[in-house]
Amino acid sequence: MLLATQTLATLFAQLGLENDELSIKRFIHQHKLEASVLLFEAPFWNKSQARFLQESIYEDADWAEVIDHFDTMLR
């Protein structure tokens, strides 16, 4: 079985966001989360983005590691 390693760029593409390095840095700079807010509860996601993030985390999907890293970057 071939396991794909997900990256921040592929996560941004999956979320329908611009995924070049500058766009990712800009997004992280412009969006910060309080410690009490879960990533998928952030007000800047649409419903499908929030659902994807929530399901990926709860199911410990292929995306979970990069989502956790992204979450840390937003704190």
C-alpha atoms as a PDB file:
ATOM      1  CA  MET A   1       0.000   0.000   0.000  1.00  0.00           C
ATOM      2  CA  LEU A   2       1.285   3.445  -0.915  1.00  0.00           C
ATOM      3  CA  LEU A   3       0.718   6.049   1.796  1.00  0.00           C
ATOM      4  CA  ALA A   4       0.611   9.653   0.692  1.00  0.00           C
ATOM      5  CA  THR A   5       2.231  12.207   2.941  1.00  0.00           C
ATOM      6  CA  GLN A   6      -0.018  15.231   3.201  1.00  0.00           C
ATOM      7  CA  THR A   7       1.531  18.687   3.286  1.00  0.00           C
ATOM      8  CA  LEU A   8       0.316  22.119   4.253  1.00  0.00           C
ATOM      9  CA  ALA A   9       0.077  22.969   0.541  1.00  0.00           C
ATOM     10  CA  THR A  10      -2.088  19.909  -0.193  1.00  0.00           C
ATOM     11  CA  LEU A  11      -4.266  20.701   2.841  1.00  0.00           C
ATOM     12  CA  PHE A  12      -4.853  24.235   1.563  1.00  0.00           C
ATOM     13  CA  ALA A  13      -5.719  22.854  -1.871  1.00  0.00           C
ATOM     14  CA  GLN A  14      -8.127  20.366  -0.274  1.00  0.00           C
ATOM     15  CA  LEU A  15      -9.793  23.244   1.576  1.00  0.00           C
ATOM     16  CA  GLY A  16     -10.122  25.188  -1.681  1.00  0.00           C
ATOM     17  CA  LEU A  17      -7.607  27.832  -0.636  1.00  0.00           C
ATOM     18  CA  GLU A  18      -4.666  29.283  -2.513  1.00  0.00           C
ATOM     19  CA  ASN A  19      -1.817  26.938  -1.687  1.00  0.00           C
ATOM     20  CA  ASP A  20       1.378  28.683  -2.734  1.00  0.00           C
ATOM     21  CA  GLU A  21       3.864  29.530   0.020  1.00  0.00           C
ATOM     22  CA  LEU A  22       3.026  33.246   0.158  1.00  0.00           C
ATOM     23  CA  SER A  23      -0.729  32.606   0.360  1.00  0.00           C
ATOM     24  CA  ILE A  24      -0.260  30.081   3.161  1.00  0.00           C
ATOM     25  CA  LYS A  25       1.915  32.491   5.142  1.00  0.00           C
ATOM     26  CA  ARG A  26      -0.586  35.303   4.566  1.00  0.00           C
ATOM     27  CA  PHE A  27      -3.501  33.124   5.721  1.00  0.00           C
ATOM     28  CA  ILE A  28      -1.686  32.106   8.905  1.00  0.00           C
ATOM     29  CA  HIS A  29      -0.731  35.718   9.623  1.00  0.00           C
ATOM     30  CA  GLN A  30      -4.318  36.944   9.120  1.00  0.00           C
ATOM     31  CA  HIS A  31      -6.123  34.166  11.034  1.00  0.00           C
ATOM     32  CA  LYS A  32      -5.373  33.512  14.691  1.00  0.00           C
ATOM     33  CA  LEU A  33      -7.245  31.250  17.104  1.00  0.00           C
ATOM     34  CA  GLU A  34      -7.802  31.587  20.816  1.00  0.00           C
ATOM     35  CA  ALA A  35      -6.744  28.579  22.877  1.00  0.00           C
ATOM     36  CA  SER A  36     -10.380  27.728  23.679  1.00  0.00           C
ATOM     37  CA  VAL A  37     -11.495  27.548  20.014  1.00  0.00           C
ATOM     38  CA  LEU A  38     -11.230  24.255  18.172  1.00  0.00           C
ATOM     39  CA  LEU A  39      -9.789  24.586  14.682  1.00  0.00           C
ATOM     40  CA  PHE A  40     -12.945  23.423  12.913  1.00  0.00           C
ATOM     41  CA  GLU A  41     -15.056  25.879  14.966  1.00  0.00           C
ATOM     42  CA  ALA A  42     -13.169  28.910  13.647  1.00  0.00           C
ATOM     43  CA  PRO A  43     -15.483  31.484  12.068  1.00  0.00           C
ATOM     44  CA  PHE A  44     -13.468  31.719   8.856  1.00  0.00           C
ATOM     45  CA  TRP A  45     -14.377  28.223   7.559  1.00  0.00           C
ATOM     46  CA  ASN A  46     -17.393  27.460   5.446  1.00  0.00           C
ATOM     47  CA  LYS A  47     -19.489  24.432   6.433  1.00  0.00           C
ATOM     48  CA  SER A  48     -17.756  21.944   4.167  1.00  0.00           C
ATOM     49  CA  GLN A  49     -14.272  23.079   5.216  1.00  0.00           C
ATOM     50  CA  ALA A  50     -15.206  22.825   8.899  1.00  0.00           C
ATOM     51  CA  ARG A  51     -16.745  19.371   8.381  1.00  0.00           C
ATOM     52  CA  PHE A  52     -13.647  18.143   6.521  1.00  0.00           C
ATOM     53  CA  LEU A  53     -11.345  19.364   9.307  1.00  0.00           C
ATOM     54  CA  GLN A  54     -13.531  17.907  12.053  1.00  0.00           C
ATOM     55  CA  GLU A  55     -13.947  14.515  10.398  1.00  0.00           C
ATOM     56  CA  SER A  56     -10.256  14.276   9.524  1.00  0.00           C
ATOM     57  CA  ILE A  57      -9.252  14.937  13.122  1.00  0.00           C
ATOM     58  CA  TYR A  58     -11.856  12.663  14.739  1.00  0.00           C
ATOM     59  CA  GLU A  59     -11.176   9.806  12.333  1.00  0.00           C
ATOM     60  CA  ASP A  60      -7.392  10.250  12.679  1.00  0.00           C
ATOM     61  CA  ALA A  61      -7.331  10.353   8.892  1.00  0.00           C
ATOM     62  CA  ASP A  62      -4.321  10.750   6.642  1.00  0.00           C
ATOM     63  CA  TRP A  63      -4.751  14.503   7.074  1.00  0.00           C
ATOM     64  CA  ALA A  64      -4.671  14.519  10.903  1.00  0.00           C
ATOM     65  CA  GLU A  65      -0.946  15.175  11.312  1.00  0.00           C
ATOM     66  CA  VAL A  66      -0.814  18.150   8.943  1.00  0.00           C
ATOM     67  CA  ILE A  67      -4.077  19.517  10.395  1.00  0.00           C
ATOM     68  CA  ASP A  68      -2.579  19.352  13.897  1.00  0.00           C
ATOM     69  CA  HIS A  69       0.499  21.195  12.653  1.00  0.00           C
ATOM     70  CA  PHE A  70      -1.692  23.826  10.965  1.00  0.00           C
ATOM     71  CA  ASP A  71      -3.731  24.216  14.157  1.00  0.00           C
ATOM     72  CA  THR A  72      -0.531  24.900  16.104  1.00  0.00           C
ATOM     73  CA  MET A  73       0.543  27.515  13.564  1.00  0.00           C
ATOM     74  CA  LEU A  74      -2.726  29.415  14.087  1.00  0.00           C
ATOM     75  CA  ARG A  75      -2.214  29.710  17.865  1.00  0.00           C
END
